[in-house]
Amino acid sequence: MNPLLRNVLISAALCLPLLAQAAGKPKVEFINSDQAKAAGYPFSQAVQVDHTLYLSGQIGIDPATGKLAAGGVGPEARQAMQNIKDLLAEHGHSMADIVKCTVMLADIKEWPAFNEVYRGFFDGRFPARSAFAGSGLALGARVEVECIAVVGD
């Protein structure tokens, strides 16, 4: 191996740990509304790591009543998506910041009904998405949606 190249590679290898340390640990913020704190659930509504915001799964709970929206997957999906929109807005973000959603449906046959609601929350620029059937969603919900958003400072 060329001695100059060897020295450059060794120098780079020695500097990498220093560069990583200089970059520092990412800023992590655990986000909970007063209402969520009062509920005492063992998870955060969202966690922001630098410019990435991870939202916990949302079900169709109406914040005014504390109950699932009545009427099945459509109303529950609408409320879950509204909860996501409200949580983002509360922290200065919007649905346009979402880059990935994961959708859990109690019955995968309800996917078309969910999609009908979901479309209305985006301007045609849809995030990446995964969807699957999951039994035993919290509180007997028909749908749960979790999202990842990329946000500014």
N, C-alpha and C. Protein backbone atom coordinates (compact mmCIF):
# COMPACT_ATOMS: atom_id res chain seq x y z
N MET A 1 0.85 -1.17 0.00
CA MET A 1 0.00 0.00 0.00
C MET A 1 0.89 1.24 0.00
N ASN A 2 0.48 2.23 -0.72
CA ASN A 2 1.19 3.50 -0.79
C ASN A 2 1.30 4.07 0.63
N PRO A 3 2.52 4.45 1.08
CA PRO A 3 2.71 4.96 2.44
C PRO A 3 1.87 6.21 2.73
N LEU A 4 1.73 7.09 1.74
CA LEU A 4 0.94 8.30 1.95
C LEU A 4 -0.53 7.93 2.18
N LEU A 5 -1.05 7.04 1.35
CA LEU A 5 -2.43 6.60 1.49
C LEU A 5 -2.63 5.91 2.84
N ARG A 6 -1.65 5.09 3.23
CA ARG A 6 -1.72 4.40 4.52
C ARG A 6 -1.80 5.42 5.66
N ASN A 7 -0.98 6.45 5.63
CA ASN A 7 -0.99 7.47 6.69
C ASN A 7 -2.31 8.25 6.71
N VAL A 8 -2.85 8.54 5.54
CA VAL A 8 -4.13 9.24 5.47
C VAL A 8 -5.23 8.39 6.09
N LEU A 9 -5.25 7.10 5.75
CA LEU A 9 -6.27 6.19 6.29
C LEU A 9 -6.15 6.05 7.80
N ILE A 10 -4.93 5.92 8.29
CA ILE A 10 -4.71 5.82 9.74
C ILE A 10 -5.17 7.10 10.43
N SER A 11 -4.81 8.24 9.87
CA SER A 11 -5.22 9.53 10.45
C SER A 11 -6.74 9.65 10.48
N ALA A 12 -7.38 9.25 9.38
CA ALA A 12 -8.84 9.32 9.32
C ALA A 12 -9.45 8.41 10.37
N ALA A 13 -8.92 7.21 10.52
CA ALA A 13 -9.45 6.26 11.50
C ALA A 13 -9.30 6.80 12.92
N LEU A 14 -8.19 7.49 13.18
CA LEU A 14 -7.98 8.06 14.51
C LEU A 14 -8.87 9.26 14.77
N CYS A 15 -9.22 9.99 13.73
CA CYS A 15 -10.04 11.20 13.89
C CYS A 15 -11.54 10.92 13.98
N LEU A 16 -11.99 9.80 13.44
CA LEU A 16 -13.43 9.52 13.42
C LEU A 16 -14.06 9.55 14.81
N PRO A 17 -13.46 8.91 15.83
CA PRO A 17 -14.07 8.99 17.16
C PRO A 17 -14.15 10.43 17.69
N LEU A 18 -13.14 11.23 17.38
CA LEU A 18 -13.16 12.62 17.82
C LEU A 18 -14.26 13.41 17.11
N LEU A 19 -14.43 13.15 15.81
CA LEU A 19 -15.49 13.83 15.07
C LEU A 19 -16.86 13.42 15.58
N ALA A 20 -17.03 12.14 15.88
CA ALA A 20 -18.32 11.66 16.39
C ALA A 20 -18.61 12.30 17.74
N GLN A 21 -17.59 12.42 18.59
CA GLN A 21 -17.77 13.04 19.89
C GLN A 21 -18.09 14.52 19.74
N ALA A 22 -17.45 15.19 18.80
CA ALA A 22 -17.70 16.61 18.57
C ALA A 22 -19.12 16.85 18.08
N ALA A 23 -19.66 15.88 17.33
CA ALA A 23 -21.03 16.02 16.84
C ALA A 23 -22.00 16.02 18.01
N GLY A 24 -21.64 15.37 19.10
CA GLY A 24 -22.46 15.37 20.30
C GLY A 24 -23.64 14.43 20.23
N LYS A 25 -24.24 14.27 21.36
CA LYS A 25 -25.43 13.43 21.48
C LYS A 25 -26.62 14.20 20.91
N PRO A 26 -27.52 13.52 20.20
CA PRO A 26 -28.67 14.23 19.64
C PRO A 26 -29.57 14.77 20.76
N LYS A 27 -30.23 15.86 20.45
CA LYS A 27 -31.18 16.46 21.39
C LYS A 27 -32.44 15.59 21.39
N VAL A 28 -32.88 15.17 22.58
CA VAL A 28 -34.08 14.34 22.71
C VAL A 28 -35.06 15.07 23.62
N GLU A 29 -36.30 15.19 23.15
CA GLU A 29 -37.36 15.84 23.95
C GLU A 29 -38.57 14.91 24.00
N PHE A 30 -39.05 14.64 25.21
CA PHE A 30 -40.24 13.81 25.40
C PHE A 30 -41.43 14.75 25.54
N ILE A 31 -42.44 14.54 24.70
CA ILE A 31 -43.55 15.49 24.57
C ILE A 31 -44.84 14.87 25.07
N ASN A 32 -45.49 15.56 26.02
CA ASN A 32 -46.78 15.14 26.55
C ASN A 32 -47.60 16.37 26.91
N SER A 33 -48.86 16.36 26.52
CA SER A 33 -49.76 17.43 26.93
C SER A 33 -50.10 17.23 28.41
N ASP A 34 -50.65 18.26 29.04
CA ASP A 34 -51.08 18.13 30.44
C ASP A 34 -52.11 17.02 30.57
N GLN A 35 -53.01 16.92 29.58
CA GLN A 35 -54.05 15.89 29.60
C GLN A 35 -53.42 14.50 29.54
N ALA A 36 -52.40 14.33 28.70
CA ALA A 36 -51.73 13.03 28.58
C ALA A 36 -50.98 12.70 29.87
N LYS A 37 -50.34 13.70 30.47
CA LYS A 37 -49.64 13.47 31.74
C LYS A 37 -50.62 13.02 32.81
N ALA A 38 -51.79 13.66 32.86
CA ALA A 38 -52.80 13.33 33.86
C ALA A 38 -53.32 11.91 33.68
N ALA A 39 -53.37 11.44 32.45
CA ALA A 39 -53.86 10.08 32.19
C ALA A 39 -52.91 9.03 32.75
N GLY A 40 -51.63 9.38 32.87
CA GLY A 40 -50.66 8.49 33.48
C GLY A 40 -50.24 7.30 32.65
N TYR A 41 -50.40 7.38 31.33
CA TYR A 41 -49.99 6.27 30.47
C TYR A 41 -48.47 6.13 30.48
N PRO A 42 -47.96 4.90 30.36
CA PRO A 42 -46.51 4.69 30.41
C PRO A 42 -45.81 4.88 29.06
N PHE A 43 -46.16 5.94 28.36
CA PHE A 43 -45.51 6.28 27.09
C PHE A 43 -45.69 7.77 26.84
N SER A 44 -44.86 8.31 25.98
CA SER A 44 -44.97 9.72 25.60
C SER A 44 -45.85 9.85 24.36
N GLN A 45 -46.54 10.98 24.24
CA GLN A 45 -47.33 11.23 23.03
C GLN A 45 -46.42 11.31 21.82
N ALA A 46 -45.25 11.89 22.02
CA ALA A 46 -44.28 12.03 20.94
C ALA A 46 -42.89 12.17 21.56
N VAL A 47 -41.90 11.83 20.76
CA VAL A 47 -40.50 12.03 21.16
C VAL A 47 -39.80 12.66 19.96
N GLN A 48 -39.15 13.80 20.21
CA GLN A 48 -38.40 14.46 19.15
C GLN A 48 -36.92 14.20 19.36
N VAL A 49 -36.27 13.67 18.32
CA VAL A 49 -34.82 13.44 18.31
C VAL A 49 -34.27 14.29 17.17
N ASP A 50 -33.59 15.37 17.54
CA ASP A 50 -33.14 16.36 16.56
C ASP A 50 -34.32 16.79 15.69
N HIS A 51 -34.29 16.52 14.40
CA HIS A 51 -35.36 16.99 13.51
C HIS A 51 -36.39 15.91 13.19
N THR A 52 -36.34 14.81 13.92
CA THR A 52 -37.29 13.73 13.68
C THR A 52 -38.25 13.64 14.85
N LEU A 53 -39.54 13.66 14.55
CA LEU A 53 -40.59 13.60 15.56
C LEU A 53 -41.32 12.27 15.42
N TYR A 54 -41.27 11.45 16.46
CA TYR A 54 -41.93 10.15 16.48
C TYR A 54 -43.22 10.29 17.29
N LEU A 55 -44.36 10.08 16.65
CA LEU A 55 -45.64 10.17 17.34
C LEU A 55 -46.09 8.77 17.75
N SER A 56 -46.54 8.64 18.99
CA SER A 56 -47.12 7.38 19.42
C SER A 56 -48.39 7.11 18.64
N GLY A 57 -48.79 5.85 18.61
CA GLY A 57 -50.02 5.49 17.91
C GLY A 57 -51.22 6.23 18.46
N GLN A 58 -52.07 6.68 17.57
CA GLN A 58 -53.29 7.38 17.95
C GLN A 58 -54.49 6.53 17.54
N ILE A 59 -55.41 6.38 18.47
CA ILE A 59 -56.68 5.75 18.15
C ILE A 59 -57.74 6.84 18.12
N GLY A 60 -58.95 6.48 17.76
CA GLY A 60 -60.00 7.47 17.57
C GLY A 60 -60.67 7.94 18.84
N ILE A 61 -59.89 8.28 19.85
CA ILE A 61 -60.44 8.80 21.10
C ILE A 61 -60.81 10.26 20.92
N ASP A 62 -62.04 10.59 21.24
CA ASP A 62 -62.49 11.98 21.23
C ASP A 62 -61.98 12.62 22.52
N PRO A 63 -61.10 13.63 22.43
CA PRO A 63 -60.55 14.24 23.65
C PRO A 63 -61.62 14.86 24.55
N ALA A 64 -62.74 15.26 23.97
CA ALA A 64 -63.81 15.89 24.77
C ALA A 64 -64.53 14.87 25.65
N THR A 65 -64.64 13.63 25.17
CA THR A 65 -65.39 12.62 25.93
C THR A 65 -64.51 11.54 26.53
N GLY A 66 -63.30 11.38 25.98
CA GLY A 66 -62.43 10.30 26.44
C GLY A 66 -62.86 8.94 25.93
N LYS A 67 -63.78 8.92 24.97
CA LYS A 67 -64.30 7.66 24.42
C LYS A 67 -63.99 7.57 22.93
N LEU A 68 -63.99 6.32 22.42
CA LEU A 68 -63.81 6.12 20.99
C LEU A 68 -64.95 6.76 20.22
N ALA A 69 -64.63 7.35 19.10
CA ALA A 69 -65.67 7.91 18.21
C ALA A 69 -66.60 6.77 17.82
N ALA A 70 -67.89 7.03 17.89
CA ALA A 70 -68.89 6.01 17.58
C ALA A 70 -69.05 5.85 16.07
N GLY A 71 -69.38 4.63 15.64
CA GLY A 71 -69.72 4.43 14.24
C GLY A 71 -68.76 3.58 13.44
N GLY A 72 -67.73 3.02 14.08
CA GLY A 72 -66.84 2.13 13.36
C GLY A 72 -65.58 2.77 12.84
N VAL A 73 -64.98 2.12 11.85
CA VAL A 73 -63.64 2.49 11.39
C VAL A 73 -63.60 3.90 10.79
N GLY A 74 -64.61 4.32 10.06
CA GLY A 74 -64.59 5.66 9.45
C GLY A 74 -64.49 6.77 10.47
N PRO A 75 -65.44 6.86 11.41
CA PRO A 75 -65.35 7.90 12.44
C PRO A 75 -64.11 7.76 13.33
N GLU A 76 -63.72 6.52 13.63
CA GLU A 76 -62.51 6.33 14.44
C GLU A 76 -61.27 6.81 13.69
N ALA A 77 -61.20 6.49 12.40
CA ALA A 77 -60.06 6.93 11.59
C ALA A 77 -60.00 8.45 11.52
N ARG A 78 -61.15 9.07 11.30
CA ARG A 78 -61.21 10.54 11.22
C ARG A 78 -60.71 11.15 12.53
N GLN A 79 -61.16 10.60 13.66
CA GLN A 79 -60.74 11.14 14.96
C GLN A 79 -59.26 10.88 15.21
N ALA A 80 -58.77 9.69 14.87
CA ALA A 80 -57.34 9.39 15.05
C ALA A 80 -56.48 10.36 14.24
N MET A 81 -56.87 10.58 12.99
CA MET A 81 -56.11 11.50 12.13
C MET A 81 -56.21 12.94 12.65
N GLN A 82 -57.38 13.32 13.16
CA GLN A 82 -57.53 14.66 13.73
C GLN A 82 -56.66 14.80 14.97
N ASN A 83 -56.58 13.75 15.78
CA ASN A 83 -55.71 13.77 16.96
C ASN A 83 -54.26 13.98 16.56
N ILE A 84 -53.84 13.32 15.49
CA ILE A 84 -52.47 13.50 14.98
C ILE A 84 -52.26 14.94 14.52
N LYS A 85 -53.21 15.44 13.76
CA LYS A 85 -53.13 16.82 13.25
C LYS A 85 -53.07 17.81 14.41
N ASP A 86 -53.90 17.61 15.43
CA ASP A 86 -53.93 18.51 16.59
C ASP A 86 -52.63 18.44 17.38
N LEU A 87 -52.09 17.24 17.56
CA LEU A 87 -50.84 17.09 18.30
C LEU A 87 -49.70 17.80 17.57
N LEU A 88 -49.64 17.64 16.27
CA LEU A 88 -48.62 18.34 15.48
C LEU A 88 -48.79 19.85 15.60
N ALA A 89 -50.02 20.34 15.43
CA ALA A 89 -50.29 21.78 15.48
C ALA A 89 -49.94 22.37 16.84
N GLU A 90 -50.21 21.62 17.89
CA GLU A 90 -49.92 22.08 19.25
C GLU A 90 -48.43 22.37 19.43
N HIS A 91 -47.61 21.74 18.61
CA HIS A 91 -46.16 21.92 18.71
C HIS A 91 -45.57 22.63 17.49
N GLY A 92 -46.45 23.31 16.73
CA GLY A 92 -45.99 24.14 15.62
C GLY A 92 -45.70 23.40 14.33
N HIS A 93 -46.27 22.23 14.16
CA HIS A 93 -46.02 21.43 12.96
C HIS A 93 -47.34 21.14 12.25
N SER A 94 -47.24 20.50 11.09
CA SER A 94 -48.45 20.21 10.32
C SER A 94 -48.37 18.82 9.70
N MET A 95 -49.47 18.42 9.10
CA MET A 95 -49.53 17.12 8.43
C MET A 95 -48.52 17.05 7.29
N ALA A 96 -48.15 18.18 6.73
CA ALA A 96 -47.17 18.21 5.64
C ALA A 96 -45.78 17.77 6.12
N ASP A 97 -45.56 17.77 7.44
CA ASP A 97 -44.27 17.36 7.99
C ASP A 97 -44.14 15.84 8.12
N ILE A 98 -45.25 15.12 7.99
CA ILE A 98 -45.23 13.67 8.16
C ILE A 98 -44.57 13.01 6.95
N VAL A 99 -43.64 12.09 7.25
CA VAL A 99 -42.94 11.37 6.18
C VAL A 99 -43.26 9.88 6.17
N LYS A 100 -43.83 9.36 7.27
CA LYS A 100 -44.12 7.92 7.35
C LYS A 100 -45.26 7.69 8.31
N CYS A 101 -46.20 6.83 7.93
CA CYS A 101 -47.29 6.41 8.81
C CYS A 101 -47.33 4.89 8.85
N THR A 102 -47.68 4.37 9.99
CA THR A 102 -47.96 2.95 10.14
C THR A 102 -49.39 2.83 10.62
N VAL A 103 -50.18 2.04 9.90
CA VAL A 103 -51.61 1.91 10.18
C VAL A 103 -51.89 0.48 10.62
N MET A 104 -52.54 0.35 11.76
CA MET A 104 -52.97 -0.96 12.26
C MET A 104 -54.49 -0.99 12.22
N LEU A 105 -55.03 -1.96 11.55
CA LEU A 105 -56.48 -2.11 11.42
C LEU A 105 -56.92 -3.39 12.11
N ALA A 106 -58.02 -3.33 12.85
CA ALA A 106 -58.56 -4.54 13.48
C ALA A 106 -58.96 -5.55 12.41
N ASP A 107 -59.38 -5.06 11.25
CA ASP A 107 -59.78 -5.92 10.14
C ASP A 107 -59.26 -5.30 8.85
N ILE A 108 -58.35 -5.98 8.17
CA ILE A 108 -57.73 -5.43 6.96
C ILE A 108 -58.77 -5.16 5.88
N LYS A 109 -59.93 -5.76 5.97
CA LYS A 109 -61.00 -5.49 5.00
C LYS A 109 -61.51 -4.06 5.12
N GLU A 110 -61.18 -3.39 6.22
CA GLU A 110 -61.59 -1.99 6.42
C GLU A 110 -60.58 -1.00 5.84
N TRP A 111 -59.58 -1.51 5.14
CA TRP A 111 -58.55 -0.67 4.54
C TRP A 111 -59.15 0.37 3.60
N PRO A 112 -60.07 0.01 2.69
CA PRO A 112 -60.65 1.03 1.80
C PRO A 112 -61.37 2.16 2.57
N ALA A 113 -62.09 1.81 3.63
CA ALA A 113 -62.78 2.83 4.42
C ALA A 113 -61.77 3.75 5.11
N PHE A 114 -60.67 3.16 5.60
CA PHE A 114 -59.63 3.98 6.21
C PHE A 114 -59.01 4.91 5.17
N ASN A 115 -58.68 4.38 4.00
CA ASN A 115 -58.06 5.18 2.95
C ASN A 115 -58.91 6.39 2.56
N GLU A 116 -60.21 6.20 2.54
CA GLU A 116 -61.11 7.30 2.19
C GLU A 116 -60.94 8.47 3.16
N VAL A 117 -60.84 8.16 4.44
CA VAL A 117 -60.64 9.20 5.46
C VAL A 117 -59.22 9.77 5.36
N TYR A 118 -58.24 8.90 5.27
CA TYR A 118 -56.82 9.27 5.27
C TYR A 118 -56.50 10.28 4.18
N ARG A 119 -57.05 10.05 2.98
CA ARG A 119 -56.78 10.96 1.85
C ARG A 119 -57.12 12.41 2.19
N GLY A 120 -58.16 12.61 2.95
CA GLY A 120 -58.61 13.96 3.28
C GLY A 120 -57.69 14.75 4.20
N PHE A 121 -56.70 14.09 4.78
CA PHE A 121 -55.80 14.78 5.70
C PHE A 121 -54.48 15.19 5.05
N PHE A 122 -54.33 14.89 3.76
CA PHE A 122 -53.11 15.25 3.05
C PHE A 122 -53.46 15.96 1.75
N ASP A 123 -52.55 16.77 1.27
CA ASP A 123 -52.80 17.59 0.07
C ASP A 123 -52.43 16.87 -1.23
N GLY A 124 -52.36 15.56 -1.19
CA GLY A 124 -51.98 14.80 -2.39
C GLY A 124 -50.54 14.34 -2.36
N ARG A 125 -49.76 14.89 -1.45
CA ARG A 125 -48.37 14.45 -1.24
C ARG A 125 -48.40 13.53 -0.02
N PHE A 126 -48.52 12.24 -0.28
CA PHE A 126 -48.73 11.29 0.81
C PHE A 126 -47.41 10.78 1.38
N PRO A 127 -47.37 10.59 2.70
CA PRO A 127 -46.19 10.00 3.31
C PRO A 127 -46.04 8.53 2.92
N ALA A 128 -44.86 7.99 3.11
CA ALA A 128 -44.69 6.54 2.99
C ALA A 128 -45.59 5.90 4.04
N ARG A 129 -46.04 4.67 3.76
CA ARG A 129 -47.00 4.08 4.69
C ARG A 129 -46.94 2.56 4.67
N SER A 130 -47.17 1.98 5.82
CA SER A 130 -47.37 0.54 5.96
C SER A 130 -48.72 0.35 6.63
N ALA A 131 -49.40 -0.73 6.29
CA ALA A 131 -50.68 -1.04 6.93
C ALA A 131 -50.77 -2.54 7.13
N PHE A 132 -51.32 -2.93 8.26
CA PHE A 132 -51.50 -4.35 8.53
C PHE A 132 -52.64 -4.55 9.51
N ALA A 133 -53.15 -5.77 9.56
CA ALA A 133 -54.19 -6.12 10.52
C ALA A 133 -53.53 -6.45 11.85
N GLY A 134 -54.11 -5.93 12.91
CA GLY A 134 -53.60 -6.20 14.25
C GLY A 134 -54.76 -6.43 15.19
N SER A 135 -54.77 -7.57 15.84
CA SER A 135 -55.88 -7.83 16.76
C SER A 135 -55.57 -7.24 18.12
N GLY A 136 -56.60 -6.91 18.84
CA GLY A 136 -56.43 -6.43 20.20
C GLY A 136 -55.91 -5.01 20.30
N LEU A 137 -56.34 -4.11 19.41
CA LEU A 137 -55.93 -2.71 19.53
C LEU A 137 -56.50 -2.13 20.83
N ALA A 138 -55.85 -1.13 21.36
CA ALA A 138 -56.24 -0.53 22.64
C ALA A 138 -57.72 -0.13 22.65
N LEU A 139 -58.37 -0.41 23.75
CA LEU A 139 -59.78 -0.03 24.00
C LEU A 139 -60.74 -0.58 22.95
N GLY A 140 -60.34 -1.63 22.25
CA GLY A 140 -61.21 -2.21 21.22
C GLY A 140 -61.31 -1.37 19.96
N ALA A 141 -60.32 -0.52 19.74
CA ALA A 141 -60.32 0.37 18.56
C ALA A 141 -60.29 -0.45 17.27
N ARG A 142 -60.81 0.15 16.21
CA ARG A 142 -60.79 -0.46 14.87
C ARG A 142 -59.52 -0.08 14.11
N VAL A 143 -58.88 1.04 14.53
CA VAL A 143 -57.72 1.54 13.81
C VAL A 143 -56.79 2.28 14.77
N GLU A 144 -55.49 2.18 14.51
CA GLU A 144 -54.47 2.95 15.22
C GLU A 144 -53.46 3.41 14.19
N VAL A 145 -53.02 4.66 14.32
CA VAL A 145 -52.08 5.24 13.36
C VAL A 145 -50.92 5.86 14.12
N GLU A 146 -49.70 5.49 13.75
CA GLU A 146 -48.52 6.16 14.30
C GLU A 146 -47.76 6.79 13.15
N CYS A 147 -47.10 7.90 13.44
CA CYS A 147 -46.45 8.67 12.38
C CYS A 147 -45.05 9.11 12.79
N ILE A 148 -44.26 9.39 11.78
CA ILE A 148 -42.95 10.00 11.94
C ILE A 148 -42.95 11.26 11.09
N ALA A 149 -42.50 12.36 11.68
CA ALA A 149 -42.44 13.63 10.96
C ALA A 149 -41.02 14.18 11.02
N VAL A 150 -40.66 14.94 10.00
CA VAL A 150 -39.39 15.66 10.00
C VAL A 150 -39.72 17.12 10.19
N VAL A 151 -39.15 17.70 11.24
CA VAL A 151 -39.52 19.05 11.65
C VAL A 151 -38.28 19.92 11.82
N GLY A 152 -38.48 21.23 11.82
CA GLY A 152 -37.39 22.17 12.07
C GLY A 152 -37.10 22.26 13.55
N ASP A 153 -36.27 23.22 13.91
CA ASP A 153 -35.93 23.41 15.33
C ASP A 153 -37.12 23.86 16.13
